[in-house]
Amino acid sequence: MDQQNHQSMNTIQQALHDYKMGVGHFAEQMPDIAHKYSAFTEACFEAGELSQKEKQLIALGIALYSQDEYCIIYHTKGCLDQGCSQKEILEAVAVTGAFGGGAAMSQAVTLVEQCLTELDIQPH
């Protein structure tokens, strides 16, 4: 693995770690709110008429559109955890780009690609 790939791996893994630490710290300070928020989001992402996979793709699109880097990373990983292929993720990226333009695409061609590379996803 070259130095650049090693460095990007550290960046994405560190962001996921920082997010989890931040959520934990917030939960220590605001346990009631953190619990209610967690229960709400877990319910939103449960399979229903839409699968968990579809919901993660939607969340990734919203994260890209809103330029939320932590959510882009988190939901790219969520897509992968739900079995999305690289092509499915890139199709969701394209739809978001059609709606969100260059701002959404700039995050997609950098941060989403960095996540896919770090998490060693092979094209399907």
C-alpha atoms as a PDB file:
ATOM      1  CA  MET A   1       0.000   0.000   0.000  1.00  0.00           C
ATOM      2  CA  ASP A   2       1.448   3.375  -0.928  1.00  0.00           C
ATOM      3  CA  GLN A   3       1.770   6.283   1.518  1.00  0.00           C
ATOM      4  CA  GLN A   4      -1.202   8.200   0.072  1.00  0.00           C
ATOM      5  CA  ASN A   5      -3.577   5.226   0.428  1.00  0.00           C
ATOM      6  CA  HIS A   6      -2.288   4.565   3.946  1.00  0.00           C
ATOM      7  CA  GLN A   7      -2.855   8.218   4.833  1.00  0.00           C
ATOM      8  CA  SER A   8      -6.415   8.216   3.448  1.00  0.00           C
ATOM      9  CA  MET A   9      -7.203   5.038   5.372  1.00  0.00           C
ATOM     10  CA  ASN A  10      -6.240   6.794   8.553  1.00  0.00           C
ATOM     11  CA  THR A  11      -8.431   9.769   7.656  1.00  0.00           C
ATOM     12  CA  ILE A  12     -11.652   7.812   7.099  1.00  0.00           C
ATOM     13  CA  GLN A  13     -11.149   5.450  10.036  1.00  0.00           C
ATOM     14  CA  GLN A  14     -10.264   8.423  12.247  1.00  0.00           C
ATOM     15  CA  ALA A  15     -13.418  10.281  11.187  1.00  0.00           C
ATOM     16  CA  LEU A  16     -15.574   7.256  12.055  1.00  0.00           C
ATOM     17  CA  HIS A  17     -13.788   6.960  15.398  1.00  0.00           C
ATOM     18  CA  ASP A  18     -14.173  10.694  16.120  1.00  0.00           C
ATOM     19  CA  TYR A  19     -17.895  10.536  15.331  1.00  0.00           C
ATOM     20  CA  LYS A  20     -18.436   7.559  17.645  1.00  0.00           C
ATOM     21  CA  MET A  21     -16.451   9.269  20.410  1.00  0.00           C
ATOM     22  CA  GLY A  22     -18.459  12.461  19.966  1.00  0.00           C
ATOM     23  CA  VAL A  23     -21.756  10.597  20.152  1.00  0.00           C
ATOM     24  CA  GLY A  24     -20.555   8.802  23.280  1.00  0.00           C
ATOM     25  CA  HIS A  25     -19.480  12.059  24.897  1.00  0.00           C
ATOM     26  CA  PHE A  26     -22.830  13.672  24.064  1.00  0.00           C
ATOM     27  CA  ALA A  27     -24.652  10.621  25.461  1.00  0.00           C
ATOM     28  CA  GLU A  28     -22.759  10.975  28.743  1.00  0.00           C
ATOM     29  CA  GLN A  29     -23.828  14.609  29.041  1.00  0.00           C
ATOM     30  CA  MET A  30     -27.361  14.280  27.643  1.00  0.00           C
ATOM     31  CA  PRO A  31     -28.382  10.624  28.140  1.00  0.00           C
ATOM     32  CA  ASP A  32     -32.138  11.124  27.801  1.00  0.00           C
ATOM     33  CA  ILE A  33     -31.903  13.060  24.547  1.00  0.00           C
ATOM     34  CA  ALA A  34     -29.199  10.783  23.155  1.00  0.00           C
ATOM     35  CA  HIS A  35     -31.295   7.698  23.902  1.00  0.00           C
ATOM     36  CA  LYS A  36     -34.406   9.173  22.303  1.00  0.00           C
ATOM     37  CA  TYR A  37     -32.477  10.339  19.240  1.00  0.00           C
ATOM     38  CA  SER A  38     -30.831   6.940  18.878  1.00  0.00           C
ATOM     39  CA  ALA A  39     -34.160   5.121  19.211  1.00  0.00           C
ATOM     40  CA  PHE A  40     -35.712   7.440  16.612  1.00  0.00           C
ATOM     41  CA  THR A  41     -32.928   7.007  14.063  1.00  0.00           C
ATOM     42  CA  GLU A  42     -32.809   3.244  14.599  1.00  0.00           C
ATOM     43  CA  ALA A  43     -36.553   3.076  13.932  1.00  0.00           C
ATOM     44  CA  CYS A  44     -36.141   5.198  10.792  1.00  0.00           C
ATOM     45  CA  PHE A  45     -33.514   2.834   9.390  1.00  0.00           C
ATOM     46  CA  GLU A  46     -35.387  -0.405  10.129  1.00  0.00           C
ATOM     47  CA  ALA A  47     -36.588  -2.301   7.096  1.00  0.00           C
ATOM     48  CA  GLY A  48     -40.140  -1.510   6.118  1.00  0.00           C
ATOM     49  CA  GLU A  49     -41.548  -0.832   2.678  1.00  0.00           C
ATOM     50  CA  LEU A  50     -37.998   0.321   1.917  1.00  0.00           C
ATOM     51  CA  SER A  51     -35.090  -1.968   2.724  1.00  0.00           C
ATOM     52  CA  GLN A  52     -32.251  -0.901   5.005  1.00  0.00           C
ATOM     53  CA  LYS A  53     -30.066  -0.849   1.901  1.00  0.00           C
ATOM     54  CA  GLU A  54     -32.394   1.593   0.132  1.00  0.00           C
ATOM     55  CA  LYS A  55     -32.581   3.770   3.231  1.00  0.00           C
ATOM     56  CA  GLN A  56     -28.784   3.969   3.446  1.00  0.00           C
ATOM     57  CA  LEU A  57     -28.602   5.024  -0.213  1.00  0.00           C
ATOM     58  CA  ILE A  58     -31.158   7.761   0.472  1.00  0.00           C
ATOM     59  CA  ALA A  59     -29.207   8.888   3.540  1.00  0.00           C
ATOM     60  CA  LEU A  60     -25.999   9.016   1.518  1.00  0.00           C
ATOM     61  CA  GLY A  61     -27.696  11.206  -1.082  1.00  0.00           C
ATOM     62  CA  ILE A  62     -28.965  13.577   1.604  1.00  0.00           C
ATOM     63  CA  ALA A  63     -25.533  13.682   3.243  1.00  0.00           C
ATOM     64  CA  LEU A  64     -23.922  14.549  -0.089  1.00  0.00           C
ATOM     65  CA  TYR A  65     -26.508  17.207  -0.827  1.00  0.00           C
ATOM     66  CA  SER A  66     -26.089  18.789   2.617  1.00  0.00           C
ATOM     67  CA  GLN A  67     -22.261  18.615   2.436  1.00  0.00           C
ATOM     68  CA  ASP A  68     -22.040  16.772   5.781  1.00  0.00           C
ATOM     69  CA  GLU A  69     -18.684  15.005   5.645  1.00  0.00           C
ATOM     70  CA  TYR A  70     -19.209  12.844   8.729  1.00  0.00           C
ATOM     71  CA  CYS A  71     -22.574  11.649   7.411  1.00  0.00           C
ATOM     72  CA  ILE A  72     -21.096  11.043   3.959  1.00  0.00           C
ATOM     73  CA  ILE A  73     -18.502   8.755   5.517  1.00  0.00           C
ATOM     74  CA  TYR A  74     -20.969   7.129   7.915  1.00  0.00           C
ATOM     75  CA  HIS A  75     -23.604   6.438   5.262  1.00  0.00           C
ATOM     76  CA  THR A  76     -21.104   5.294   2.635  1.00  0.00           C
ATOM     77  CA  LYS A  77     -20.037   2.703   5.206  1.00  0.00           C
ATOM     78  CA  GLY A  78     -23.720   2.036   5.963  1.00  0.00           C
ATOM     79  CA  CYS A  79     -24.350   1.371   2.274  1.00  0.00           C
ATOM     80  CA  LEU A  80     -21.452  -1.056   2.189  1.00  0.00           C
ATOM     81  CA  ASP A  81     -22.592  -2.725   5.412  1.00  0.00           C
ATOM     82  CA  GLN A  82     -26.007  -3.263   3.805  1.00  0.00           C
ATOM     83  CA  GLY A  83     -24.439  -4.920   0.769  1.00  0.00           C
ATOM     84  CA  CYS A  84     -24.512  -2.077  -1.739  1.00  0.00           C
ATOM     85  CA  SER A  85     -22.184  -2.517  -4.662  1.00  0.00           C
ATOM     86  CA  GLN A  86     -19.874   0.249  -5.785  1.00  0.00           C
ATOM     87  CA  LYS A  87     -22.117   0.762  -8.827  1.00  0.00           C
ATOM     88  CA  GLU A  88     -25.241   1.141  -6.671  1.00  0.00           C
ATOM     89  CA  ILE A  89     -23.469   3.733  -4.550  1.00  0.00           C
ATOM     90  CA  LEU A  90     -22.248   5.587  -7.632  1.00  0.00           C
ATOM     91  CA  GLU A  91     -25.765   5.585  -9.116  1.00  0.00           C
ATOM     92  CA  ALA A  92     -27.051   7.201  -5.916  1.00  0.00           C
ATOM     93  CA  VAL A  93     -24.183   9.683  -6.195  1.00  0.00           C
ATOM     94  CA  ALA A  94     -25.203  10.467  -9.784  1.00  0.00           C
ATOM     95  CA  VAL A  95     -28.830  11.114  -8.807  1.00  0.00           C
ATOM     96  CA  THR A  96     -27.653  13.404  -6.009  1.00  0.00           C
ATOM     97  CA  GLY A  97     -25.342  15.175  -8.446  1.00  0.00           C
ATOM     98  CA  ALA A  98     -28.225  15.700 -10.868  1.00  0.00           C
ATOM     99  CA  PHE A  99     -30.139  17.426  -8.097  1.00  0.00           C
ATOM    100  CA  GLY A 100     -27.298  19.022  -6.120  1.00  0.00           C
ATOM    101  CA  GLY A 101     -24.905  19.899  -8.922  1.00  0.00           C
ATOM    102  CA  GLY A 102     -21.210  20.457  -8.540  1.00  0.00           C
ATOM    103  CA  ALA A 103     -21.249  20.836  -4.772  1.00  0.00           C
ATOM    104  CA  ALA A 104     -22.659  17.331  -4.318  1.00  0.00           C
ATOM    105  CA  MET A 105     -20.442  15.864  -7.012  1.00  0.00           C
ATOM    106  CA  SER A 106     -17.287  17.378  -5.500  1.00  0.00           C
ATOM    107  CA  GLN A 107     -17.924  15.458  -2.276  1.00  0.00           C
ATOM    108  CA  ALA A 108     -18.756  12.317  -4.209  1.00  0.00           C
ATOM    109  CA  VAL A 109     -15.680  12.234  -6.403  1.00  0.00           C
ATOM    110  CA  THR A 110     -13.436  12.879  -3.426  1.00  0.00           C
ATOM    111  CA  LEU A 111     -14.819  11.671  -0.110  1.00  0.00           C
ATOM    112  CA  VAL A 112     -17.053   8.816  -1.318  1.00  0.00           C
ATOM    113  CA  GLU A 113     -14.258   7.556  -3.567  1.00  0.00           C
ATOM    114  CA  GLN A 114     -11.832   7.804  -0.640  1.00  0.00           C
ATOM    115  CA  CYS A 115     -14.214   5.721   1.499  1.00  0.00           C
ATOM    116  CA  LEU A 116     -14.611   3.097  -1.216  1.00  0.00           C
ATOM    117  CA  THR A 117     -10.853   2.906  -1.671  1.00  0.00           C
ATOM    118  CA  GLU A 118     -10.104   2.700   2.032  1.00  0.00           C
ATOM    119  CA  LEU A 119     -12.734   0.103   2.695  1.00  0.00           C
ATOM    120  CA  ASP A 120     -11.241  -1.893  -0.214  1.00  0.00           C
ATOM    121  CA  ILE A 121     -14.419  -2.229  -2.224  1.00  0.00           C
ATOM    122  CA  GLN A 122     -14.092  -3.949  -5.555  1.00  0.00           C
ATOM    123  CA  PRO A 123     -16.441  -3.070  -8.437  1.00  0.00           C
ATOM    124  CA  HIS A 124     -19.404  -5.452  -8.763  1.00  0.00           C
END
